[in-house]
């Protein structure tokens, strides 16, 4: 199915965008109005976009009903400061509650039962319960449209970060402790914990051989998946048949030789699942 976006209503377009581009991190943004009124609202059109300068972006949309602006947008235009509070599972219900369209004079910290902590260098307070909070100066706001559901990109430069120490392991943020949540489409969320967390070695300081360097019988395997091939392609070199045989013997790897290529590939797949990538390649090449 192929759809021309020009044939969709803004709500229909949003449904495809928000369901397919997911999970998205959540920006729990605290801002203040010109008169000092505090606002706290969540946004899932959000991400980090630069390390130096340390920049994040989030995008409040205009109302889908009448195209009016939201309190967060009005506030950052009047007082260009924002605290971006990270949302984890312990906060997700309170975070959701703050998305209610309360009148501008209502303090969502109070409505959601969250602790309002003064920031060090900016006016908006931070969420005391948030595992990580960034005090930010708004660098610029870019309007992307002027109709209902049009986004407004808020580029925010972090000047302070507050980290609750119970989320650190050996001085670093621990994803297993953070228990972050992400936004899916509709009313769905995802929890970044347990089996949802997995590790993939990053090819940053290495030059992988690539899937194209693998022999045809591996590349065209009926057993190995694209993920399996990608993991093999991340290795820095192929083995010779002799080198592969030595590894197989050293690791005491064996399989039913009468089972043909499929049995060998199934063993390699099992080794890949366990993180034994070199051993898997050795089996395939032996």
C-alpha atoms as a PDB file:
ATOM      1  CA  UNK A   1       0.000   0.000   0.000  1.00  0.00           C
ATOM      2  CA  UNK A   2       1.299   3.449  -0.933  1.00  0.00           C
ATOM      3  CA  UNK A   3      -0.345   6.661   0.267  1.00  0.00           C
ATOM      4  CA  UNK A   4       0.140  10.235  -0.902  1.00  0.00           C
ATOM      5  CA  UNK A   5       0.367  12.416   2.209  1.00  0.00           C
ATOM      6  CA  UNK A   6      -1.471  15.190   0.400  1.00  0.00           C
ATOM      7  CA  UNK A   7      -4.568  12.966   0.402  1.00  0.00           C
ATOM      8  CA  UNK A   8      -4.568  12.618   4.198  1.00  0.00           C
ATOM      9  CA  UNK A   9      -5.999  14.843   6.898  1.00  0.00           C
ATOM     10  CA  UNK A  10      -3.497  16.063   9.534  1.00  0.00           C
ATOM     11  CA  UNK A  11      -4.868  13.523  12.027  1.00  0.00           C
ATOM     12  CA  UNK A  12      -4.548  10.662   9.524  1.00  0.00           C
ATOM     13  CA  UNK A  13      -0.977  11.700   8.699  1.00  0.00           C
ATOM     14  CA  UNK A  14      -0.139  11.936  12.402  1.00  0.00           C
ATOM     15  CA  UNK A  15      -1.470   8.411  12.978  1.00  0.00           C
ATOM     16  CA  UNK A  16       0.954   6.946  10.429  1.00  0.00           C
ATOM     17  CA  UNK A  17       3.886   9.060  11.653  1.00  0.00           C
ATOM     18  CA  UNK A  18       3.418   8.377  15.357  1.00  0.00           C
ATOM     19  CA  UNK A  19       2.837   4.626  14.904  1.00  0.00           C
ATOM     20  CA  UNK A  20       5.743   4.009  12.522  1.00  0.00           C
ATOM     21  CA  UNK A  21       8.352   6.362  13.988  1.00  0.00           C
ATOM     22  CA  UNK A  22       8.511   4.717  17.400  1.00  0.00           C
ATOM     23  CA  UNK A  23       9.382   4.179  20.166  1.00  0.00           C
ATOM     24  CA  UNK A  24      10.132   7.824  20.853  1.00  0.00           C
ATOM     25  CA  UNK A  25      11.748   9.233  24.010  1.00  0.00           C
ATOM     26  CA  UNK A  26       9.576  11.603  26.015  1.00  0.00           C
ATOM     27  CA  UNK A  27      10.446  15.199  26.831  1.00  0.00           C
ATOM     28  CA  UNK A  28       8.805  16.165  30.138  1.00  0.00           C
ATOM     29  CA  UNK A  29       9.140  19.932  29.655  1.00  0.00           C
ATOM     30  CA  UNK A  30       8.776  22.428  32.494  1.00  0.00           C
ATOM     31  CA  UNK A  31       8.468  26.085  31.505  1.00  0.00           C
ATOM     32  CA  UNK A  32       7.279  29.405  32.946  1.00  0.00           C
ATOM     33  CA  UNK A  33       5.069  32.117  31.487  1.00  0.00           C
ATOM     34  CA  UNK A  34       5.995  35.803  31.507  1.00  0.00           C
ATOM     35  CA  UNK A  35       3.945  36.241  34.696  1.00  0.00           C
ATOM     36  CA  UNK A  36       5.748  33.350  36.410  1.00  0.00           C
ATOM     37  CA  UNK A  37       2.986  30.743  35.958  1.00  0.00           C
ATOM     38  CA  UNK A  38       4.541  27.266  35.797  1.00  0.00           C
ATOM     39  CA  UNK A  39       3.659  24.647  33.182  1.00  0.00           C
ATOM     40  CA  UNK A  40       4.664  20.987  32.877  1.00  0.00           C
ATOM     41  CA  UNK A  41       3.833  19.014  29.716  1.00  0.00           C
ATOM     42  CA  UNK A  42       5.117  15.883  27.918  1.00  0.00           C
ATOM     43  CA  UNK A  43       6.225  15.737  24.269  1.00  0.00           C
ATOM     44  CA  UNK A  44       7.285  12.654  22.344  1.00  0.00           C
ATOM     45  CA  UNK A  45       8.396  14.542  19.247  1.00  0.00           C
ATOM     46  CA  UNK A  46      11.746  14.878  21.027  1.00  0.00           C
ATOM     47  CA  UNK A  47      15.398  13.878  20.747  1.00  0.00           C
ATOM     48  CA  UNK A  48      19.029  14.871  21.326  1.00  0.00           C
ATOM     49  CA  UNK A  49      20.576  16.420  18.210  1.00  0.00           C
ATOM     50  CA  UNK A  50      24.087  17.611  19.135  1.00  0.00           C
ATOM     51  CA  UNK A  51      26.877  16.743  21.543  1.00  0.00           C
ATOM     52  CA  UNK A  52      28.806  20.011  21.216  1.00  0.00           C
ATOM     53  CA  UNK A  53      26.957  22.219  21.846  1.00  0.00           C
ATOM     54  CA  UNK A  54      24.736  19.885  23.911  1.00  0.00           C
ATOM     55  CA  UNK A  55      21.411  20.403  22.136  1.00  0.00           C
ATOM     56  CA  UNK A  56      18.002  18.789  22.320  1.00  0.00           C
ATOM     57  CA  UNK A  57      14.886  19.401  20.262  1.00  0.00           C
ATOM     58  CA  UNK A  58      11.202  18.945  20.949  1.00  0.00           C
ATOM     59  CA  UNK A  59       8.191  20.049  18.953  1.00  0.00           C
ATOM     60  CA  UNK A  60       4.918  21.223  20.490  1.00  0.00           C
ATOM     61  CA  UNK A  61       2.130  20.981  17.923  1.00  0.00           C
ATOM     62  CA  UNK A  62      -0.598  23.512  17.394  1.00  0.00           C
ATOM     63  CA  UNK A  63      -4.026  22.335  18.517  1.00  0.00           C
ATOM     64  CA  UNK A  64      -5.628  19.791  16.208  1.00  0.00           C
ATOM     65  CA  UNK A  65      -9.000  21.427  16.819  1.00  0.00           C
ATOM     66  CA  UNK A  66      -8.415  25.118  16.185  1.00  0.00           C
ATOM     67  CA  UNK A  67      -4.701  25.612  15.478  1.00  0.00           C
ATOM     68  CA  UNK A  68      -4.115  27.505  18.716  1.00  0.00           C
ATOM     69  CA  UNK A  69      -0.711  27.318  20.435  1.00  0.00           C
ATOM     70  CA  UNK A  70      -0.035  25.319  23.582  1.00  0.00           C
ATOM     71  CA  UNK A  71       1.149  26.800  26.878  1.00  0.00           C
ATOM     72  CA  UNK A  72       4.653  25.337  26.481  1.00  0.00           C
ATOM     73  CA  UNK A  73       5.154  27.072  23.144  1.00  0.00           C
ATOM     74  CA  UNK A  74       3.807  30.384  24.441  1.00  0.00           C
ATOM     75  CA  UNK A  75       6.076  30.105  27.471  1.00  0.00           C
ATOM     76  CA  UNK A  76       9.370  29.403  25.650  1.00  0.00           C
ATOM     77  CA  UNK A  77       8.659  32.307  23.309  1.00  0.00           C
ATOM     78  CA  UNK A  78       8.132  34.611  26.301  1.00  0.00           C
ATOM     79  CA  UNK A  79      10.798  33.102  28.606  1.00  0.00           C
ATOM     80  CA  UNK A  80      13.308  31.131  26.472  1.00  0.00           C
ATOM     81  CA  UNK A  81      14.182  28.548  29.104  1.00  0.00           C
ATOM     82  CA  UNK A  82      13.063  24.962  29.706  1.00  0.00           C
ATOM     83  CA  UNK A  83      13.894  21.988  31.900  1.00  0.00           C
ATOM     84  CA  UNK A  84      13.821  18.719  29.998  1.00  0.00           C
ATOM     85  CA  UNK A  85      13.024  16.042  32.563  1.00  0.00           C
ATOM     86  CA  UNK A  86      13.573  12.393  31.615  1.00  0.00           C
ATOM     87  CA  UNK A  87      10.588  10.062  32.082  1.00  0.00           C
ATOM     88  CA  UNK A  88      10.972   6.539  33.474  1.00  0.00           C
ATOM     89  CA  UNK A  89       8.396   3.896  34.324  1.00  0.00           C
ATOM     90  CA  UNK A  90       7.976   5.143  37.885  1.00  0.00           C
ATOM     91  CA  UNK A  91       6.677   8.455  36.467  1.00  0.00           C
ATOM     92  CA  UNK A  92       4.713   7.357  33.420  1.00  0.00           C
ATOM     93  CA  UNK A  93       1.185   7.675  34.844  1.00  0.00           C
ATOM     94  CA  UNK A  94       1.886  11.081  36.388  1.00  0.00           C
ATOM     95  CA  UNK A  95       3.504  12.181  33.127  1.00  0.00           C
ATOM     96  CA  UNK A  96       0.409  11.120  31.182  1.00  0.00           C
ATOM     97  CA  UNK A  97      -1.816  13.083  33.544  1.00  0.00           C
ATOM     98  CA  UNK A  98       0.047  16.303  32.758  1.00  0.00           C
ATOM     99  CA  UNK A  99      -0.931  15.993  29.078  1.00  0.00           C
ATOM    100  CA  UNK A 100      -4.468  16.992  30.124  1.00  0.00           C
ATOM    101  CA  UNK A 101      -5.494  20.334  28.606  1.00  0.00           C
ATOM    102  CA  UNK A 102      -5.676  22.217  31.907  1.00  0.00           C
ATOM    103  CA  UNK A 103      -6.198  26.004  31.819  1.00  0.00           C
ATOM    104  CA  UNK A 104      -2.994  28.044  31.545  1.00  0.00           C
ATOM    105  CA  UNK A 105      -3.145  29.108  35.209  1.00  0.00           C
ATOM    106  CA  UNK A 106      -3.091  25.498  36.500  1.00  0.00           C
ATOM    107  CA  UNK A 107       0.222  24.144  37.801  1.00  0.00           C
ATOM    108  CA  UNK A 108       0.597  20.563  36.495  1.00  0.00           C
ATOM    109  CA  UNK A 109       3.215  19.809  39.175  1.00  0.00           C
ATOM    110  CA  UNK A 110       0.415  20.112  41.712  1.00  0.00           C
ATOM    111  CA  UNK A 111      -2.149  18.223  39.616  1.00  0.00           C
ATOM    112  CA  UNK A 112       0.240  15.304  39.055  1.00  0.00           C
ATOM    113  CA  UNK A 113       1.612  15.236  42.604  1.00  0.00           C
ATOM    114  CA  UNK A 114       5.200  15.870  41.518  1.00  0.00           C
ATOM    115  CA  UNK A 115       7.925  17.687  43.447  1.00  0.00           C
ATOM    116  CA  UNK A 116       8.876  21.129  42.166  1.00  0.00           C
ATOM    117  CA  UNK A 117      12.636  21.681  42.636  1.00  0.00           C
ATOM    118  CA  UNK A 118      14.246  25.096  41.901  1.00  0.00           C
ATOM    119  CA  UNK A 119      16.718  25.075  39.027  1.00  0.00           C
ATOM    120  CA  UNK A 120      20.248  26.436  39.436  1.00  0.00           C
ATOM    121  CA  UNK A 121      20.483  28.916  36.557  1.00  0.00           C
ATOM    122  CA  UNK A 122      17.054  29.167  34.872  1.00  0.00           C
ATOM    123  CA  UNK A 123      13.550  30.099  36.026  1.00  0.00           C
ATOM    124  CA  UNK A 124      11.543  26.902  35.310  1.00  0.00           C
ATOM    125  CA  UNK A 125      11.725  24.301  38.110  1.00  0.00           C
ATOM    126  CA  UNK A 126      12.666  20.682  37.526  1.00  0.00           C
ATOM    127  CA  UNK A 127      10.814  17.489  38.435  1.00  0.00           C
ATOM    128  CA  UNK A 128      12.379  16.131  41.625  1.00  0.00           C
ATOM    129  CA  UNK A 129      11.312  12.558  40.841  1.00  0.00           C
ATOM    130  CA  UNK A 130      12.885  12.538  37.358  1.00  0.00           C
ATOM    131  CA  UNK A 131      16.063  10.413  37.151  1.00  0.00           C
ATOM    132  CA  UNK A 132      17.775  13.012  34.930  1.00  0.00           C
ATOM    133  CA  UNK A 133      16.865  16.653  34.332  1.00  0.00           C
ATOM    134  CA  UNK A 134      18.528  19.116  31.934  1.00  0.00           C
ATOM    135  CA  UNK A 135      18.363  22.855  32.524  1.00  0.00           C
ATOM    136  CA  UNK A 136      18.254  24.385  29.043  1.00  0.00           C
ATOM    137  CA  UNK A 137      18.372  27.750  27.314  1.00  0.00           C
ATOM    138  CA  UNK A 138      16.117  27.909  24.249  1.00  0.00           C
ATOM    139  CA  UNK A 139      18.336  28.669  21.260  1.00  0.00           C
ATOM    140  CA  UNK A 140      15.566  29.136  18.695  1.00  0.00           C
ATOM    141  CA  UNK A 141      11.994  28.176  17.855  1.00  0.00           C
ATOM    142  CA  UNK A 142      11.191  27.236  14.270  1.00  0.00           C
ATOM    143  CA  UNK A 143       7.555  27.220  13.154  1.00  0.00           C
ATOM    144  CA  UNK A 144       6.977  24.375  10.674  1.00  0.00           C
ATOM    145  CA  UNK A 145       3.448  25.405   9.694  1.00  0.00           C
ATOM    146  CA  UNK A 146       0.519  27.525  10.791  1.00  0.00           C
ATOM    147  CA  UNK A 147      -2.450  25.135  10.651  1.00  0.00           C
ATOM    148  CA  UNK A 148      -3.852  22.560  13.096  1.00  0.00           C
ATOM    149  CA  UNK A 149      -1.247  19.991  14.241  1.00  0.00           C
ATOM    150  CA  UNK A 150       1.661  21.962  12.774  1.00  0.00           C
ATOM    151  CA  UNK A 151       4.863  21.476  14.733  1.00  0.00           C
ATOM    152  CA  UNK A 152       7.164  24.072  16.263  1.00  0.00           C
ATOM    153  CA  UNK A 153      10.767  22.954  16.733  1.00  0.00           C
ATOM    154  CA  UNK A 154      12.218  24.138  20.025  1.00  0.00           C
ATOM    155  CA  UNK A 155      16.020  23.856  19.993  1.00  0.00           C
ATOM    156  CA  UNK A 156      17.276  23.852  23.569  1.00  0.00           C
ATOM    157  CA  UNK A 157      20.909  23.998  24.747  1.00  0.00           C
ATOM    158  CA  UNK A 158      21.653  22.176  27.992  1.00  0.00           C
ATOM    159  CA  UNK A 159      23.590  24.216  30.575  1.00  0.00           C
ATOM    160  CA  UNK A 160      23.148  21.950  33.634  1.00  0.00           C
ATOM    161  CA  UNK A 161      22.304  18.296  34.171  1.00  0.00           C
ATOM    162  CA  UNK A 162      20.945  16.860  37.424  1.00  0.00           C
ATOM    163  CA  UNK A 163      21.311  13.098  37.905  1.00  0.00           C
ATOM    164  CA  UNK A 164      19.846  11.102  40.771  1.00  0.00           C
ATOM    165  CA  UNK A 165      22.676   8.932  42.049  1.00  0.00           C
ATOM    166  CA  UNK A 166      20.572   5.791  42.503  1.00  0.00           C
ATOM    167  CA  UNK A 167      20.505   5.504  38.700  1.00  0.00           C
ATOM    168  CA  UNK A 168      24.310   5.337  38.419  1.00  0.00           C
ATOM    169  CA  UNK A 169      26.590   2.314  38.279  1.00  0.00           C
ATOM    170  CA  UNK A 170      30.310   3.091  38.567  1.00  0.00           C
ATOM    171  CA  UNK A 171      29.580   6.728  37.793  1.00  0.00           C
ATOM    172  CA  UNK A 172      27.600   6.070  34.602  1.00  0.00           C
ATOM    173  CA  UNK A 173      23.880   6.052  33.916  1.00  0.00           C
ATOM    174  CA  UNK A 174      22.719   2.450  34.005  1.00  0.00           C
ATOM    175  CA  UNK A 175      19.913   1.640  31.514  1.00  0.00           C
ATOM    176  CA  UNK A 176      18.771  -1.302  33.634  1.00  0.00           C
ATOM    177  CA  UNK A 177      18.221   1.053  36.568  1.00  0.00           C
ATOM    178  CA  UNK A 178      16.801   3.940  34.548  1.00  0.00           C
ATOM    179  CA  UNK A 179      13.829   1.862  33.367  1.00  0.00           C
ATOM    180  CA  UNK A 180      12.962   4.425  30.701  1.00  0.00           C
ATOM    181  CA  UNK A 181       9.724   4.482  28.723  1.00  0.00           C
ATOM    182  CA  UNK A 182       9.054   5.356  25.096  1.00  0.00           C
ATOM    183  CA  UNK A 183       5.979   6.518  23.229  1.00  0.00           C
ATOM    184  CA  UNK A 184       4.375   4.337  20.583  1.00  0.00           C
ATOM    185  CA  UNK A 185       1.297   5.177  18.507  1.00  0.00           C
ATOM    186  CA  UNK A 186      -2.146   5.789  20.010  1.00  0.00           C
ATOM    187  CA  UNK A 187      -2.216   5.115  23.752  1.00  0.00           C
ATOM    188  CA  UNK A 188       0.681   2.638  23.688  1.00  0.00           C
ATOM    189  CA  UNK A 189       4.055   2.912  25.421  1.00  0.00           C
ATOM    190  CA  UNK A 190       7.120   0.688  25.629  1.00  0.00           C
ATOM    191  CA  UNK A 191       9.290  -0.043  28.658  1.00  0.00           C
ATOM    192  CA  UNK A 192      13.072  -0.202  28.164  1.00  0.00           C
ATOM    193  CA  UNK A 193      13.849  -2.916  30.707  1.00  0.00           C
ATOM    194  CA  UNK A 194      14.300  -6.671  31.052  1.00  0.00           C
ATOM    195  CA  UNK A 195      14.195  -8.590  27.788  1.00  0.00           C
ATOM    196  CA  UNK A 196      13.498  -5.345  25.891  1.00  0.00           C
ATOM    197  CA  UNK A 197      17.149  -4.348  26.441  1.00  0.00           C
ATOM    198  CA  UNK A 198      19.776  -5.980  24.229  1.00  0.00           C
ATOM    199  CA  UNK A 199      23.313  -5.134  23.217  1.00  0.00           C
ATOM    200  CA  UNK A 200      24.842  -4.845  19.753  1.00  0.00           C
ATOM    201  CA  UNK A 201      28.608  -4.213  19.451  1.00  0.00           C
ATOM    202  CA  UNK A 202      29.035  -0.797  17.826  1.00  0.00           C
ATOM    203  CA  UNK A 203      31.402  -0.737  14.802  1.00  0.00           C
ATOM    204  CA  UNK A 204      32.892   2.619  15.795  1.00  0.00           C
ATOM    205  CA  UNK A 205      36.595   1.790  16.075  1.00  0.00           C
ATOM    206  CA  UNK A 206      36.554  -1.234  13.781  1.00  0.00           C
ATOM    207  CA  UNK A 207      36.093  -1.775  10.055  1.00  0.00           C
ATOM    208  CA  UNK A 208      33.762  -4.707   9.512  1.00  0.00           C
ATOM    209  CA  UNK A 209      34.170  -6.904   6.461  1.00  0.00           C
ATOM    210  CA  UNK A 210      30.520  -6.380   5.522  1.00  0.00           C
ATOM    211  CA  UNK A 211      27.869  -8.872   4.457  1.00  0.00           C
ATOM    212  CA  UNK A 212      29.107  -8.640   0.874  1.00  0.00           C
ATOM    213  CA  UNK A 213      32.433 -10.222   1.909  1.00  0.00           C
ATOM    214  CA  UNK A 214      30.769 -13.385   3.199  1.00  0.00           C
ATOM    215  CA  UNK A 215      30.812 -16.453   0.914  1.00  0.00           C
ATOM    216  CA  UNK A 216      27.648 -17.097  -1.114  1.00  0.00           C
ATOM    217  CA  UNK A 217      26.656 -20.175   0.888  1.00  0.00           C
ATOM    218  CA  UNK A 218      26.525 -18.018   4.031  1.00  0.00           C
ATOM    219  CA  UNK A 219      24.921 -14.974   2.419  1.00  0.00           C
ATOM    220  CA  UNK A 220      22.193 -17.073   0.789  1.00  0.00           C
ATOM    221  CA  UNK A 221      21.529 -19.246   3.852  1.00  0.00           C
ATOM    222  CA  UNK A 222      17.974 -20.459   4.463  1.00  0.00           C
ATOM    223  CA  UNK A 223      18.702 -20.507   8.212  1.00  0.00           C
ATOM    224  CA  UNK A 224      20.592 -17.296   8.944  1.00  0.00           C
ATOM    225  CA  UNK A 225      18.617 -14.039   9.114  1.00  0.00           C
ATOM    226  CA  UNK A 226      19.630 -10.545   8.039  1.00  0.00           C
ATOM    227  CA  UNK A 227      20.503  -9.794  11.669  1.00  0.00           C
ATOM    228  CA  UNK A 228      22.733 -12.878  11.757  1.00  0.00           C
ATOM    229  CA  UNK A 229      24.529 -11.783   8.590  1.00  0.00           C
ATOM    230  CA  UNK A 230      24.907  -8.250   9.949  1.00  0.00           C
ATOM    231  CA  UNK A 231      26.584  -9.578  13.092  1.00  0.00           C
ATOM    232  CA  UNK A 232      28.986 -11.698  10.989  1.00  0.00           C
ATOM    233  CA  UNK A 233      29.693  -8.727   8.718  1.00  0.00           C
ATOM    234  CA  UNK A 234      30.798  -6.726  11.761  1.00  0.00           C
ATOM    235  CA  UNK A 235      33.875  -8.968  12.145  1.00  0.00           C
ATOM    236  CA  UNK A 236      37.123  -7.439  10.917  1.00  0.00           C
ATOM    237  CA  UNK A 237      38.387 -10.388   8.874  1.00  0.00           C
ATOM    238  CA  UNK A 238      37.441 -13.738   7.372  1.00  0.00           C
ATOM    239  CA  UNK A 239      39.212 -16.902   8.464  1.00  0.00           C
ATOM    240  CA  UNK A 240      40.908 -19.293   6.103  1.00  0.00           C
ATOM    241  CA  UNK A 241      39.523 -22.819   6.138  1.00  0.00           C
ATOM    242  CA  UNK A 242      42.580 -23.894   8.137  1.00  0.00           C
ATOM    243  CA  UNK A 243      42.080 -21.126  10.742  1.00  0.00           C
ATOM    244  CA  UNK A 244      38.406 -22.037  10.992  1.00  0.00           C
ATOM    245  CA  UNK A 245      39.237 -25.721  11.624  1.00  0.00           C
ATOM    246  CA  UNK A 246      41.656 -24.766  14.396  1.00  0.00           C
ATOM    247  CA  UNK A 247      38.993 -22.664  16.156  1.00  0.00           C
ATOM    248  CA  UNK A 248      36.408 -25.433  15.819  1.00  0.00           C
ATOM    249  CA  UNK A 249      38.798 -27.937  17.409  1.00  0.00           C
ATOM    250  CA  UNK A 250      39.920 -25.549  20.159  1.00  0.00           C
ATOM    251  CA  UNK A 251      36.318 -24.766  21.125  1.00  0.00           C
ATOM    252  CA  UNK A 252      35.295 -28.424  20.779  1.00  0.00           C
ATOM    253  CA  UNK A 253      32.442 -27.563  18.422  1.00  0.00           C
ATOM    254  CA  UNK A 254      30.721 -30.445  16.698  1.00  0.00           C
ATOM    255  CA  UNK A 255      27.594 -31.170  14.670  1.00  0.00           C
ATOM    256  CA  UNK A 256      26.077 -34.012  12.690  1.00  0.00           C
ATOM    257  CA  UNK A 257      28.078 -33.954   9.470  1.00  0.00           C
ATOM    258  CA  UNK A 258      25.389 -36.046   7.822  1.00  0.00           C
ATOM    259  CA  UNK A 259      22.858 -33.291   8.367  1.00  0.00           C
ATOM    260  CA  UNK A 260      24.334 -31.178   5.612  1.00  0.00           C
ATOM    261  CA  UNK A 261      24.658 -27.406   5.426  1.00  0.00           C
ATOM    262  CA  UNK A 262      21.431 -26.736   7.334  1.00  0.00           C
ATOM    263  CA  UNK A 263      22.667 -28.387  10.545  1.00  0.00           C
ATOM    264  CA  UNK A 264      25.938 -26.459  10.368  1.00  0.00           C
ATOM    265  CA  UNK A 265      24.071 -23.192   9.868  1.00  0.00           C
ATOM    266  CA  UNK A 266      21.732 -23.949  12.761  1.00  0.00           C
ATOM    267  CA  UNK A 267      24.731 -24.430  15.050  1.00  0.00           C
ATOM    268  CA  UNK A 268      26.189 -21.138  13.827  1.00  0.00           C
ATOM    269  CA  UNK A 269      22.872 -19.412  14.497  1.00  0.00           C
ATOM    270  CA  UNK A 270      22.850 -20.794  18.043  1.00  0.00           C
ATOM    271  CA  UNK A 271      26.395 -19.537  18.604  1.00  0.00           C
ATOM    272  CA  UNK A 272      25.436 -16.091  17.308  1.00  0.00           C
ATOM    273  CA  UNK A 273      22.546 -15.927  19.767  1.00  0.00           C
ATOM    274  CA  UNK A 274      25.034 -16.567  22.553  1.00  0.00           C
ATOM    275  CA  UNK A 275      27.404 -13.855  21.324  1.00  0.00           C
ATOM    276  CA  UNK A 276      30.060 -16.266  20.000  1.00  0.00           C
ATOM    277  CA  UNK A 277      30.456 -14.561  16.632  1.00  0.00           C
ATOM    278  CA  UNK A 278      33.972 -15.702  15.717  1.00  0.00           C
ATOM    279  CA  UNK A 279      33.094 -19.274  16.622  1.00  0.00           C
ATOM    280  CA  UNK A 280      29.947 -19.070  14.475  1.00  0.00           C
ATOM    281  CA  UNK A 281      31.953 -17.888  11.488  1.00  0.00           C
ATOM    282  CA  UNK A 282      34.533 -20.625  12.074  1.00  0.00           C
ATOM    283  CA  UNK A 283      31.786 -23.271  11.965  1.00  0.00           C
ATOM    284  CA  UNK A 284      30.412 -21.796   8.739  1.00  0.00           C
ATOM    285  CA  UNK A 285      33.831 -21.698   7.083  1.00  0.00           C
ATOM    286  CA  UNK A 286      35.156 -25.056   8.317  1.00  0.00           C
END
